[in-house]
C-alpha cells in the first residue's frame, strides 16, 4: 500500500512533536512537515504533495478554521482533519463549512487519531463520539425549529422578514399598509408560535441562527 503524506499544524511544541512521532511510527503514513502556525502552513503546504493535514484550531495569528478554508481552495484534493480541544457547536460547524472532513478531539489519543485518518481515506467523516452527538443534536434542533416556522402564515413571514431588516412596528405597518395594532397582534402570534419572548429570539430562530 502506498503511504500517505501528512502535515501537522499545531502551535504546542510538545504536542506537535508527539503527533509527528505518532505519524512516523505508522505503516500507512509518513510525515511531510509540521508547522507551528497557519501562516507557515499557508506558505508551504500548497507547494507540497500533501494527502492530509491534521489541523489545530487555536493557533497564533490566523486560526485553524480560517487556515483550512484558505488551503482547501489552494489544495482541493487534500483532506483536513481538525484535531483540537474545542467541543462547541460553532467551531464544529465552521470547521466543516471551511472544508474539514473530520473533527476529532486531541484527548482521544494517538490510536483514535490514526483511525480517524484511515476513515478519512475510506471516504468517511470521522468525529469523536461527543462531537457526533452535538452534530446530531444540532440537526435535531434545526428540524424542530423548522417545524415551528412552518406554522407561520404568509403575512407573519412578511412581518418577520421586515423585522429582520431592522424595521420597527411603525415601519412594518407602513410597508404592508396595515395598522400598527395589527402588526403588534401578528408579532404576538409569532411569539406564541415560535415559543419566544423577544424580536431578536424570533428573528434568530426564523433565520436558523440559534
N, C-alpha and C. Protein backbone atom coordinates (compact mmCIF):
# COMPACT_ATOMS: atom_id res chain seq x y z
N UNK A 1 0.84 -1.20 0.00
CA UNK A 1 0.00 0.00 0.00
C UNK A 1 0.87 1.25 0.00
N UNK A 2 0.48 2.22 -0.83
CA UNK A 2 1.23 3.47 -0.92
C UNK A 2 1.01 4.30 0.33
N UNK A 3 2.11 4.78 0.92
CA UNK A 3 1.98 5.60 2.12
C UNK A 3 1.39 6.98 1.78
N UNK A 4 0.61 7.51 2.69
CA UNK A 4 0.01 8.82 2.51
C UNK A 4 0.84 9.88 3.25
N UNK A 5 1.04 11.01 2.60
CA UNK A 5 1.81 12.09 3.20
C UNK A 5 0.95 13.00 4.06
N UNK A 6 1.41 13.25 5.27
CA UNK A 6 0.63 14.04 6.23
C UNK A 6 1.42 15.24 6.73
N UNK A 7 0.71 16.36 6.89
CA UNK A 7 1.28 17.55 7.53
C UNK A 7 0.51 17.81 8.82
N UNK A 8 1.20 18.45 9.76
CA UNK A 8 0.59 18.79 11.05
C UNK A 8 0.71 20.29 11.28
N UNK A 9 -0.40 20.89 11.71
CA UNK A 9 -0.38 22.31 12.07
C UNK A 9 -0.81 22.40 13.53
N UNK A 10 0.15 22.68 14.41
CA UNK A 10 -0.08 22.67 15.85
C UNK A 10 0.93 23.59 16.51
N UNK A 11 0.44 24.54 17.32
CA UNK A 11 1.35 25.52 17.90
C UNK A 11 2.07 25.03 19.16
N UNK A 12 1.51 24.03 19.84
CA UNK A 12 2.15 23.50 21.04
C UNK A 12 3.32 22.59 20.65
N UNK A 13 4.54 22.99 20.99
CA UNK A 13 5.74 22.29 20.54
C UNK A 13 5.75 20.82 20.97
N UNK A 14 5.45 20.57 22.23
CA UNK A 14 5.49 19.18 22.72
C UNK A 14 4.44 18.33 22.02
N UNK A 15 3.27 18.87 21.85
CA UNK A 15 2.20 18.12 21.20
C UNK A 15 2.50 17.92 19.72
N UNK A 16 3.08 18.94 19.10
CA UNK A 16 3.44 18.84 17.69
C UNK A 16 4.47 17.72 17.48
N UNK A 17 5.45 17.66 18.37
CA UNK A 17 6.47 16.62 18.27
C UNK A 17 5.89 15.23 18.55
N UNK A 18 4.96 15.16 19.51
CA UNK A 18 4.32 13.88 19.83
C UNK A 18 3.48 13.38 18.65
N UNK A 19 2.76 14.31 18.01
CA UNK A 19 1.94 13.93 16.85
C UNK A 19 2.82 13.54 15.67
N UNK A 20 3.95 14.21 15.54
CA UNK A 20 4.89 13.87 14.46
C UNK A 20 5.41 12.45 14.64
N UNK A 21 5.76 12.11 15.86
CA UNK A 21 6.24 10.74 16.15
C UNK A 21 5.13 9.73 15.91
N UNK A 22 3.92 10.10 16.27
CA UNK A 22 2.76 9.23 16.06
C UNK A 22 2.63 8.86 14.58
N UNK A 23 2.77 9.86 13.71
CA UNK A 23 2.67 9.62 12.26
C UNK A 23 3.84 8.78 11.77
N UNK A 24 5.04 9.09 12.25
CA UNK A 24 6.24 8.39 11.79
C UNK A 24 6.26 6.91 12.17
N UNK A 25 5.55 6.55 13.24
CA UNK A 25 5.54 5.17 13.71
C UNK A 25 4.45 4.32 13.05
N UNK A 26 3.69 4.91 12.13
CA UNK A 26 2.65 4.15 11.45
C UNK A 26 3.20 3.54 10.16
N UNK A 27 2.50 2.54 9.67
CA UNK A 27 2.90 1.89 8.41
C UNK A 27 2.30 2.56 7.19
N UNK A 28 1.15 3.21 7.38
CA UNK A 28 0.40 3.74 6.24
C UNK A 28 0.63 5.21 5.94
N UNK A 29 1.32 5.90 6.87
CA UNK A 29 1.51 7.34 6.71
C UNK A 29 2.95 7.75 6.96
N UNK A 30 3.31 8.88 6.38
CA UNK A 30 4.62 9.45 6.68
C UNK A 30 4.46 10.96 6.86
N UNK A 31 5.30 11.52 7.70
CA UNK A 31 5.22 12.95 7.98
C UNK A 31 5.98 13.74 6.92
N UNK A 32 5.30 14.68 6.30
CA UNK A 32 5.95 15.55 5.32
C UNK A 32 6.60 16.72 6.04
N UNK A 33 5.80 17.39 6.87
CA UNK A 33 6.32 18.55 7.59
C UNK A 33 5.29 18.97 8.66
N UNK A 34 5.77 19.60 9.71
CA UNK A 34 4.86 20.14 10.72
C UNK A 34 5.07 21.65 10.82
N UNK A 35 4.01 22.35 11.20
CA UNK A 35 4.05 23.82 11.26
C UNK A 35 3.49 24.30 12.57
N UNK A 36 4.03 25.40 13.08
CA UNK A 36 3.58 25.93 14.36
C UNK A 36 2.52 27.02 14.24
N UNK A 37 2.23 27.45 13.01
CA UNK A 37 1.18 28.45 12.83
C UNK A 37 0.57 28.36 11.43
N UNK A 38 -0.55 29.03 11.25
CA UNK A 38 -1.27 28.97 9.98
C UNK A 38 -0.50 29.64 8.85
N UNK A 39 0.19 30.71 9.17
CA UNK A 39 0.91 31.45 8.14
C UNK A 39 1.97 30.58 7.46
N UNK A 40 2.71 29.83 8.25
CA UNK A 40 3.72 28.92 7.69
C UNK A 40 3.06 27.83 6.85
N UNK A 41 1.95 27.30 7.37
CA UNK A 41 1.23 26.24 6.66
C UNK A 41 0.71 26.75 5.31
N UNK A 42 0.16 27.95 5.30
CA UNK A 42 -0.38 28.52 4.06
C UNK A 42 0.72 28.78 3.03
N UNK A 43 1.89 29.10 3.53
CA UNK A 43 3.01 29.39 2.63
C UNK A 43 3.60 28.10 2.04
N UNK A 44 3.65 27.04 2.83
CA UNK A 44 4.37 25.84 2.41
C UNK A 44 3.50 24.72 1.85
N UNK A 45 2.36 24.45 2.45
CA UNK A 45 1.56 23.28 2.07
C UNK A 45 1.14 23.26 0.59
N UNK A 46 0.75 24.40 0.00
CA UNK A 46 0.38 24.38 -1.42
C UNK A 46 1.51 23.91 -2.34
N UNK A 47 2.75 23.99 -1.87
CA UNK A 47 3.89 23.57 -2.68
C UNK A 47 4.32 22.13 -2.42
N UNK A 48 3.60 21.47 -1.51
CA UNK A 48 3.95 20.10 -1.14
C UNK A 48 2.86 19.14 -1.62
N UNK A 49 3.22 17.89 -1.79
CA UNK A 49 2.26 16.87 -2.20
C UNK A 49 1.65 16.25 -0.94
N UNK A 50 0.65 16.91 -0.41
CA UNK A 50 0.07 16.52 0.89
C UNK A 50 -1.27 15.81 0.70
N UNK A 51 -1.40 14.66 1.32
CA UNK A 51 -2.66 13.92 1.25
C UNK A 51 -3.64 14.34 2.35
N UNK A 52 -3.10 14.62 3.54
CA UNK A 52 -3.97 15.00 4.65
C UNK A 52 -3.24 15.95 5.59
N UNK A 53 -4.03 16.78 6.26
CA UNK A 53 -3.48 17.72 7.24
C UNK A 53 -4.22 17.56 8.56
N UNK A 54 -3.46 17.41 9.64
CA UNK A 54 -4.03 17.45 10.99
C UNK A 54 -3.96 18.89 11.44
N UNK A 55 -5.11 19.50 11.69
CA UNK A 55 -5.17 20.94 11.93
C UNK A 55 -5.71 21.28 13.31
N UNK A 56 -4.94 22.05 14.07
CA UNK A 56 -5.41 22.59 15.34
C UNK A 56 -6.26 23.83 15.04
N UNK A 57 -7.12 24.22 15.96
CA UNK A 57 -7.94 25.42 15.77
C UNK A 57 -7.31 26.65 16.41
N UNK A 58 -6.92 26.51 17.66
CA UNK A 58 -6.39 27.66 18.40
C UNK A 58 -4.93 27.90 18.08
N UNK A 59 -4.70 28.67 17.02
CA UNK A 59 -3.34 28.97 16.57
C UNK A 59 -3.06 30.46 16.73
N UNK A 60 -1.80 30.84 16.89
CA UNK A 60 -1.47 32.27 16.91
C UNK A 60 -1.68 32.85 15.52
N UNK A 61 -2.15 34.06 15.43
CA UNK A 61 -2.43 34.63 14.11
C UNK A 61 -3.74 34.06 13.59
N UNK A 62 -3.75 33.66 12.31
CA UNK A 62 -4.94 33.03 11.74
C UNK A 62 -5.25 31.76 12.51
N UNK A 63 -6.55 31.50 12.74
CA UNK A 63 -6.90 30.25 13.42
C UNK A 63 -6.98 29.11 12.42
N UNK A 64 -7.12 27.90 12.94
CA UNK A 64 -7.11 26.72 12.09
C UNK A 64 -8.28 26.64 11.13
N UNK A 65 -9.42 27.18 11.53
CA UNK A 65 -10.60 27.14 10.65
C UNK A 65 -10.37 28.01 9.42
N UNK A 66 -9.86 29.23 9.64
CA UNK A 66 -9.55 30.11 8.50
C UNK A 66 -8.47 29.50 7.62
N UNK A 67 -7.52 28.83 8.26
CA UNK A 67 -6.42 28.20 7.51
C UNK A 67 -6.95 27.11 6.60
N UNK A 68 -7.87 26.29 7.11
CA UNK A 68 -8.46 25.23 6.30
C UNK A 68 -9.21 25.82 5.12
N UNK A 69 -10.00 26.87 5.38
CA UNK A 69 -10.78 27.50 4.32
C UNK A 69 -9.88 27.99 3.18
N UNK A 70 -8.75 28.58 3.53
CA UNK A 70 -7.83 29.10 2.52
C UNK A 70 -7.09 27.97 1.81
N UNK A 71 -6.65 26.97 2.58
CA UNK A 71 -5.91 25.86 1.98
C UNK A 71 -6.80 24.99 1.09
N UNK A 72 -8.05 24.85 1.46
CA UNK A 72 -8.95 24.00 0.67
C UNK A 72 -9.11 24.55 -0.74
N UNK A 73 -9.08 25.87 -0.87
CA UNK A 73 -9.18 26.48 -2.20
C UNK A 73 -7.90 26.24 -3.00
N UNK A 74 -6.77 26.22 -2.31
CA UNK A 74 -5.48 26.03 -2.97
C UNK A 74 -5.16 24.56 -3.19
N UNK A 75 -5.68 23.70 -2.30
CA UNK A 75 -5.38 22.26 -2.36
C UNK A 75 -6.69 21.48 -2.23
N UNK A 76 -7.55 21.52 -3.23
CA UNK A 76 -8.87 20.91 -3.12
C UNK A 76 -8.88 19.40 -2.87
N UNK A 77 -7.81 18.72 -3.26
CA UNK A 77 -7.76 17.26 -3.09
C UNK A 77 -7.23 16.84 -1.72
N UNK A 78 -6.65 17.78 -0.99
CA UNK A 78 -6.10 17.48 0.34
C UNK A 78 -7.24 17.35 1.35
N UNK A 79 -7.14 16.35 2.22
CA UNK A 79 -8.15 16.12 3.25
C UNK A 79 -7.70 16.79 4.56
N UNK A 80 -8.65 17.38 5.27
CA UNK A 80 -8.32 18.09 6.51
C UNK A 80 -9.07 17.47 7.68
N UNK A 81 -8.31 17.15 8.72
CA UNK A 81 -8.88 16.60 9.94
C UNK A 81 -8.59 17.56 11.08
N UNK A 82 -9.64 18.16 11.63
CA UNK A 82 -9.45 19.05 12.77
C UNK A 82 -9.09 18.19 13.98
N UNK A 83 -8.01 18.56 14.64
CA UNK A 83 -7.56 17.82 15.82
C UNK A 83 -7.39 18.86 16.92
N UNK A 84 -8.39 18.98 17.78
CA UNK A 84 -8.46 20.13 18.67
C UNK A 84 -9.04 19.77 20.04
N UNK A 85 -9.12 20.76 20.90
CA UNK A 85 -9.70 20.58 22.23
C UNK A 85 -11.10 21.16 22.32
N UNK A 86 -11.52 21.89 21.29
CA UNK A 86 -12.81 22.57 21.32
C UNK A 86 -13.97 21.64 20.98
N UNK A 87 -15.06 21.75 21.77
CA UNK A 87 -16.23 20.92 21.53
C UNK A 87 -17.49 21.74 21.23
N UNK A 88 -17.37 23.07 21.12
CA UNK A 88 -18.58 23.86 20.92
C UNK A 88 -19.08 23.78 19.49
N UNK A 89 -20.40 23.84 19.34
CA UNK A 89 -21.05 23.65 18.05
C UNK A 89 -20.57 24.64 17.00
N UNK A 90 -20.37 25.87 17.39
CA UNK A 90 -19.97 26.91 16.44
C UNK A 90 -18.68 26.53 15.71
N UNK A 91 -17.68 26.11 16.48
CA UNK A 91 -16.40 25.75 15.87
C UNK A 91 -16.51 24.47 15.04
N UNK A 92 -17.34 23.54 15.50
CA UNK A 92 -17.53 22.29 14.75
C UNK A 92 -18.08 22.59 13.36
N UNK A 93 -19.19 23.35 13.31
CA UNK A 93 -19.83 23.62 12.03
C UNK A 93 -19.01 24.56 11.15
N UNK A 94 -18.33 25.51 11.76
CA UNK A 94 -17.48 26.39 10.96
C UNK A 94 -16.32 25.61 10.35
N UNK A 95 -15.80 24.63 11.08
CA UNK A 95 -14.72 23.79 10.55
C UNK A 95 -15.20 22.99 9.36
N UNK A 96 -16.38 22.38 9.48
CA UNK A 96 -16.93 21.58 8.39
C UNK A 96 -17.27 22.45 7.19
N UNK A 97 -17.79 23.65 7.44
CA UNK A 97 -18.09 24.58 6.36
C UNK A 97 -16.82 25.03 5.65
N UNK A 98 -15.73 25.13 6.41
CA UNK A 98 -14.46 25.58 5.84
C UNK A 98 -13.85 24.52 4.92
N UNK A 99 -14.26 23.26 5.10
CA UNK A 99 -13.73 22.21 4.23
C UNK A 99 -13.12 21.03 4.95
N UNK A 100 -13.18 21.03 6.29
CA UNK A 100 -12.66 19.89 7.04
C UNK A 100 -13.57 18.68 6.81
N UNK A 101 -12.97 17.51 6.73
CA UNK A 101 -13.75 16.28 6.51
C UNK A 101 -13.99 15.52 7.80
N UNK A 102 -13.31 15.94 8.87
CA UNK A 102 -13.48 15.26 10.14
C UNK A 102 -13.10 16.17 11.29
N UNK A 103 -13.51 15.77 12.50
CA UNK A 103 -13.28 16.62 13.67
C UNK A 103 -13.08 15.69 14.86
N UNK A 104 -11.86 15.65 15.38
CA UNK A 104 -11.57 14.74 16.49
C UNK A 104 -10.85 15.48 17.61
N UNK A 105 -11.12 15.07 18.83
CA UNK A 105 -10.51 15.70 19.99
C UNK A 105 -9.13 15.13 20.26
N UNK A 106 -8.22 16.01 20.66
CA UNK A 106 -6.85 15.58 20.96
C UNK A 106 -6.83 14.54 22.07
N UNK A 107 -7.79 14.65 22.98
CA UNK A 107 -7.82 13.75 24.13
C UNK A 107 -8.16 12.31 23.74
N UNK A 108 -8.58 12.09 22.49
CA UNK A 108 -8.90 10.74 22.05
C UNK A 108 -7.65 9.85 22.03
N UNK A 109 -6.48 10.47 21.85
CA UNK A 109 -5.25 9.69 21.85
C UNK A 109 -4.79 9.28 20.46
N UNK A 110 -3.54 8.85 20.33
CA UNK A 110 -2.92 8.52 19.05
C UNK A 110 -3.68 7.48 18.22
N UNK A 111 -4.11 6.40 18.85
CA UNK A 111 -4.78 5.33 18.11
C UNK A 111 -6.04 5.83 17.41
N UNK A 112 -6.84 6.63 18.14
CA UNK A 112 -8.08 7.15 17.56
C UNK A 112 -7.79 8.15 16.44
N UNK A 113 -6.73 8.93 16.59
CA UNK A 113 -6.38 9.90 15.55
C UNK A 113 -5.97 9.17 14.27
N UNK A 114 -5.19 8.12 14.41
CA UNK A 114 -4.78 7.33 13.25
C UNK A 114 -5.99 6.65 12.62
N UNK A 115 -6.88 6.12 13.46
CA UNK A 115 -8.10 5.51 12.94
C UNK A 115 -8.94 6.53 12.18
N UNK A 116 -8.92 7.78 12.68
CA UNK A 116 -9.66 8.84 12.01
C UNK A 116 -9.07 9.12 10.63
N UNK A 117 -7.75 9.10 10.54
CA UNK A 117 -7.10 9.27 9.23
C UNK A 117 -7.48 8.13 8.29
N UNK A 118 -7.49 6.91 8.81
CA UNK A 118 -7.90 5.77 8.00
C UNK A 118 -9.31 5.98 7.46
N UNK A 119 -10.18 6.44 8.34
CA UNK A 119 -11.58 6.67 7.97
C UNK A 119 -11.69 7.75 6.90
N UNK A 120 -10.87 8.80 7.02
CA UNK A 120 -10.85 9.87 6.02
C UNK A 120 -10.60 9.31 4.63
N UNK A 121 -9.58 8.47 4.53
CA UNK A 121 -9.19 7.95 3.22
C UNK A 121 -10.11 6.84 2.72
N UNK A 122 -10.98 6.37 3.62
CA UNK A 122 -12.01 5.41 3.21
C UNK A 122 -13.28 6.12 2.79
N UNK A 123 -13.21 7.46 2.79
CA UNK A 123 -14.36 8.25 2.37
C UNK A 123 -15.28 8.66 3.49
N UNK A 124 -14.86 8.43 4.74
CA UNK A 124 -15.70 8.78 5.88
C UNK A 124 -15.48 10.19 6.39
N UNK A 125 -16.26 10.55 7.39
CA UNK A 125 -16.12 11.85 8.06
C UNK A 125 -16.00 11.58 9.56
N UNK A 126 -14.80 11.21 9.99
CA UNK A 126 -14.60 10.80 11.39
C UNK A 126 -14.82 11.93 12.39
N UNK A 127 -15.48 11.57 13.48
CA UNK A 127 -15.71 12.53 14.56
C UNK A 127 -15.65 11.80 15.89
N UNK A 128 -15.17 12.51 16.89
CA UNK A 128 -15.21 11.97 18.24
C UNK A 128 -16.67 11.76 18.62
N UNK A 129 -16.93 10.79 19.49
CA UNK A 129 -18.30 10.47 19.87
C UNK A 129 -19.07 11.67 20.38
N UNK A 130 -18.45 12.47 21.24
CA UNK A 130 -19.13 13.63 21.81
C UNK A 130 -19.42 14.68 20.74
N UNK A 131 -18.53 14.77 19.75
CA UNK A 131 -18.73 15.72 18.65
C UNK A 131 -19.89 15.27 17.78
N UNK A 132 -19.94 13.99 17.45
CA UNK A 132 -21.02 13.45 16.62
C UNK A 132 -22.37 13.66 17.28
N UNK A 133 -22.41 13.49 18.60
CA UNK A 133 -23.67 13.69 19.32
C UNK A 133 -24.12 15.15 19.23
N UNK A 134 -23.16 16.08 19.32
CA UNK A 134 -23.50 17.50 19.21
C UNK A 134 -24.04 17.83 17.82
N UNK A 135 -23.45 17.22 16.80
CA UNK A 135 -23.90 17.45 15.42
C UNK A 135 -25.33 16.94 15.25
N UNK A 136 -25.57 15.72 15.74
CA UNK A 136 -26.91 15.14 15.64
C UNK A 136 -27.92 15.99 16.40
N UNK A 137 -27.54 16.42 17.61
CA UNK A 137 -28.44 17.24 18.42
C UNK A 137 -28.75 18.56 17.74
N UNK A 138 -27.74 19.12 17.07
CA UNK A 138 -27.93 20.40 16.39
C UNK A 138 -28.90 20.26 15.23
N UNK A 139 -28.76 19.17 14.46
CA UNK A 139 -29.67 18.95 13.34
C UNK A 139 -31.09 18.70 13.83
N UNK A 140 -31.19 17.99 14.96
CA UNK A 140 -32.50 17.73 15.55
C UNK A 140 -33.15 19.04 15.98
N UNK A 141 -32.34 19.94 16.55
CA UNK A 141 -32.83 21.25 16.97
C UNK A 141 -33.29 22.06 15.77
N UNK A 142 -32.51 22.02 14.68
CA UNK A 142 -32.88 22.74 13.47
C UNK A 142 -34.18 22.21 12.89
N UNK A 143 -34.35 20.90 12.93
CA UNK A 143 -35.57 20.29 12.41
C UNK A 143 -36.78 20.75 13.22
N UNK A 144 -36.59 20.80 14.54
CA UNK A 144 -37.66 21.25 15.42
C UNK A 144 -38.01 22.71 15.14
N UNK A 145 -36.97 23.53 14.93
CA UNK A 145 -37.20 24.95 14.63
C UNK A 145 -37.91 25.11 13.29
N UNK A 146 -37.54 24.29 12.32
CA UNK A 146 -38.18 24.38 11.01
C UNK A 146 -39.66 24.07 11.10
N UNK A 147 -40.00 23.09 11.95
CA UNK A 147 -41.41 22.74 12.12
C UNK A 147 -42.19 23.90 12.72
N UNK A 148 -41.54 24.62 13.66
CA UNK A 148 -42.19 25.77 14.27
C UNK A 148 -42.44 26.87 13.24
N UNK A 149 -41.43 27.16 12.42
CA UNK A 149 -41.57 28.25 11.45
C UNK A 149 -42.55 27.88 10.33
N UNK A 150 -42.76 26.59 10.11
CA UNK A 150 -43.74 26.17 9.10
C UNK A 150 -45.15 26.57 9.48
N UNK A 151 -45.35 26.80 10.79
CA UNK A 151 -46.69 27.18 11.27
C UNK A 151 -47.01 28.65 11.03
N UNK A 152 -46.03 29.42 10.61
CA UNK A 152 -46.25 30.84 10.38
C UNK A 152 -47.07 31.07 9.10
N UNK A 153 -47.94 32.06 9.15
CA UNK A 153 -48.70 32.42 7.95
C UNK A 153 -47.82 33.25 7.02
N UNK A 154 -48.31 33.44 5.79
CA UNK A 154 -47.57 34.23 4.82
C UNK A 154 -47.37 35.66 5.33
N UNK A 155 -48.39 36.21 5.96
CA UNK A 155 -48.30 37.57 6.50
C UNK A 155 -47.27 37.64 7.63
N UNK A 156 -47.28 36.65 8.50
CA UNK A 156 -46.33 36.61 9.61
C UNK A 156 -44.89 36.51 9.09
N UNK A 157 -44.71 35.78 8.02
CA UNK A 157 -43.37 35.68 7.42
C UNK A 157 -42.95 37.02 6.82
N UNK A 158 -43.90 37.71 6.20
CA UNK A 158 -43.61 39.05 5.66
C UNK A 158 -43.15 39.98 6.77
N UNK A 159 -43.86 39.94 7.89
CA UNK A 159 -43.53 40.81 9.02
C UNK A 159 -42.16 40.46 9.59
N UNK A 160 -41.87 39.16 9.72
CA UNK A 160 -40.57 38.75 10.25
C UNK A 160 -39.43 39.15 9.32
N UNK A 161 -39.70 39.07 8.01
CA UNK A 161 -38.67 39.49 7.05
C UNK A 161 -38.32 40.96 7.24
N UNK A 162 -39.34 41.78 7.47
CA UNK A 162 -39.12 43.21 7.67
C UNK A 162 -38.46 43.49 9.01
N UNK A 163 -38.87 42.77 10.05
CA UNK A 163 -38.25 42.92 11.36
C UNK A 163 -36.78 42.52 11.30
N UNK A 164 -36.49 41.48 10.52
CA UNK A 164 -35.11 41.01 10.38
C UNK A 164 -34.23 42.07 9.72
N UNK A 165 -34.86 42.97 8.96
CA UNK A 165 -34.13 44.06 8.31
C UNK A 165 -33.98 45.27 9.23
N UNK A 166 -34.49 45.12 10.46
CA UNK A 166 -34.33 46.19 11.44
C UNK A 166 -35.50 47.16 11.54
N UNK A 167 -36.59 46.86 10.84
CA UNK A 167 -37.72 47.79 10.86
C UNK A 167 -38.52 47.65 12.15
N UNK A 168 -38.99 48.78 12.66
CA UNK A 168 -39.84 48.79 13.85
C UNK A 168 -41.29 48.62 13.41
N UNK A 169 -42.20 48.43 14.37
CA UNK A 169 -43.60 48.15 14.05
C UNK A 169 -44.22 49.21 13.13
N UNK A 170 -43.91 50.48 13.40
CA UNK A 170 -44.49 51.56 12.60
C UNK A 170 -44.05 51.44 11.13
N UNK A 171 -42.77 51.10 10.94
CA UNK A 171 -42.24 50.97 9.57
C UNK A 171 -42.83 49.74 8.88
N UNK A 172 -43.00 48.67 9.65
CA UNK A 172 -43.61 47.45 9.10
C UNK A 172 -45.04 47.74 8.67
N UNK A 173 -45.78 48.45 9.53
CA UNK A 173 -47.16 48.80 9.23
C UNK A 173 -47.25 49.63 7.94
N UNK A 174 -46.33 50.57 7.80
CA UNK A 174 -46.32 51.42 6.61
C UNK A 174 -46.00 50.62 5.36
N UNK A 175 -45.03 49.73 5.48
CA UNK A 175 -44.61 48.93 4.32
C UNK A 175 -45.72 47.99 3.85
N UNK A 176 -46.48 47.45 4.80
CA UNK A 176 -47.52 46.48 4.46
C UNK A 176 -48.91 47.11 4.37
N UNK A 177 -48.96 48.43 4.65
CA UNK A 177 -50.22 49.18 4.58
C UNK A 177 -51.27 48.59 5.52
N UNK A 178 -50.84 48.35 6.75
CA UNK A 178 -51.74 47.88 7.80
C UNK A 178 -51.49 48.74 9.04
N UNK A 179 -52.33 48.61 10.05
CA UNK A 179 -52.17 49.43 11.25
C UNK A 179 -51.09 48.86 12.16
N UNK A 180 -50.54 49.71 13.01
CA UNK A 180 -49.53 49.24 13.97
C UNK A 180 -50.14 48.24 14.94
N UNK A 181 -51.43 48.42 15.23
CA UNK A 181 -52.11 47.49 16.12
C UNK A 181 -52.16 46.09 15.52
N UNK A 182 -52.39 46.04 14.20
CA UNK A 182 -52.41 44.75 13.51
C UNK A 182 -51.02 44.12 13.52
N UNK A 183 -49.99 44.94 13.34
CA UNK A 183 -48.62 44.43 13.38
C UNK A 183 -48.33 43.84 14.75
N UNK A 184 -48.71 44.56 15.80
CA UNK A 184 -48.47 44.07 17.17
C UNK A 184 -49.16 42.73 17.40
N UNK A 185 -50.39 42.60 16.87
CA UNK A 185 -51.12 41.35 17.04
C UNK A 185 -50.41 40.21 16.32
N UNK A 186 -49.93 40.49 15.12
CA UNK A 186 -49.19 39.47 14.36
C UNK A 186 -47.90 39.09 15.09
N UNK A 187 -47.21 40.09 15.63
CA UNK A 187 -45.95 39.83 16.35
C UNK A 187 -46.21 38.93 17.56
N UNK A 188 -47.32 39.22 18.27
CA UNK A 188 -47.65 38.39 19.43
C UNK A 188 -47.95 36.95 19.01
N UNK A 189 -48.63 36.79 17.89
CA UNK A 189 -48.90 35.45 17.37
C UNK A 189 -47.61 34.73 16.99
N UNK A 190 -46.67 35.50 16.44
CA UNK A 190 -45.38 34.94 16.06
C UNK A 190 -44.65 34.42 17.30
N UNK A 191 -44.65 35.24 18.37
CA UNK A 191 -44.00 34.84 19.62
C UNK A 191 -44.59 33.51 20.12
N UNK A 192 -45.91 33.42 20.09
CA UNK A 192 -46.58 32.21 20.60
C UNK A 192 -46.24 30.99 19.76
N UNK A 193 -46.23 31.16 18.45
CA UNK A 193 -45.95 30.02 17.57
C UNK A 193 -44.50 29.56 17.65
N UNK A 194 -43.57 30.51 17.85
CA UNK A 194 -42.15 30.17 17.89
C UNK A 194 -41.65 29.92 19.31
N UNK A 195 -42.52 30.11 20.29
CA UNK A 195 -42.15 29.90 21.70
C UNK A 195 -40.98 30.81 22.11
N UNK A 196 -41.09 32.08 21.76
CA UNK A 196 -40.05 33.05 22.11
C UNK A 196 -40.70 34.25 22.79
N UNK A 197 -39.86 35.13 23.33
CA UNK A 197 -40.37 36.29 24.06
C UNK A 197 -39.90 37.64 23.51
N UNK A 198 -38.94 37.62 22.57
CA UNK A 198 -38.41 38.87 22.05
C UNK A 198 -38.29 38.83 20.53
N UNK A 199 -38.15 40.02 19.95
CA UNK A 199 -37.97 40.12 18.49
C UNK A 199 -36.68 39.45 18.06
N UNK A 200 -35.62 39.64 18.84
CA UNK A 200 -34.32 39.05 18.49
C UNK A 200 -34.41 37.53 18.45
N UNK A 201 -35.05 36.95 19.47
CA UNK A 201 -35.20 35.49 19.50
C UNK A 201 -36.01 35.00 18.30
N UNK A 202 -37.07 35.72 17.97
CA UNK A 202 -37.93 35.34 16.84
C UNK A 202 -37.15 35.37 15.53
N UNK A 203 -36.40 36.45 15.33
CA UNK A 203 -35.63 36.59 14.09
C UNK A 203 -34.54 35.53 14.01
N UNK A 204 -33.83 35.30 15.12
CA UNK A 204 -32.77 34.30 15.12
C UNK A 204 -33.30 32.92 14.79
N UNK A 205 -34.41 32.55 15.39
CA UNK A 205 -35.00 31.24 15.11
C UNK A 205 -35.49 31.17 13.66
N UNK A 206 -36.13 32.22 13.21
CA UNK A 206 -36.65 32.27 11.85
C UNK A 206 -35.53 32.11 10.81
N UNK A 207 -34.39 32.71 11.10
CA UNK A 207 -33.26 32.66 10.17
C UNK A 207 -32.33 31.49 10.48
N UNK A 208 -32.74 30.63 11.43
CA UNK A 208 -31.93 29.46 11.81
C UNK A 208 -30.54 29.84 12.26
N UNK A 209 -30.44 30.89 13.09
CA UNK A 209 -29.13 31.33 13.56
C UNK A 209 -28.89 30.96 15.02
N UNK A 210 -29.83 30.27 15.65
CA UNK A 210 -29.65 29.90 17.06
C UNK A 210 -28.92 28.59 17.16
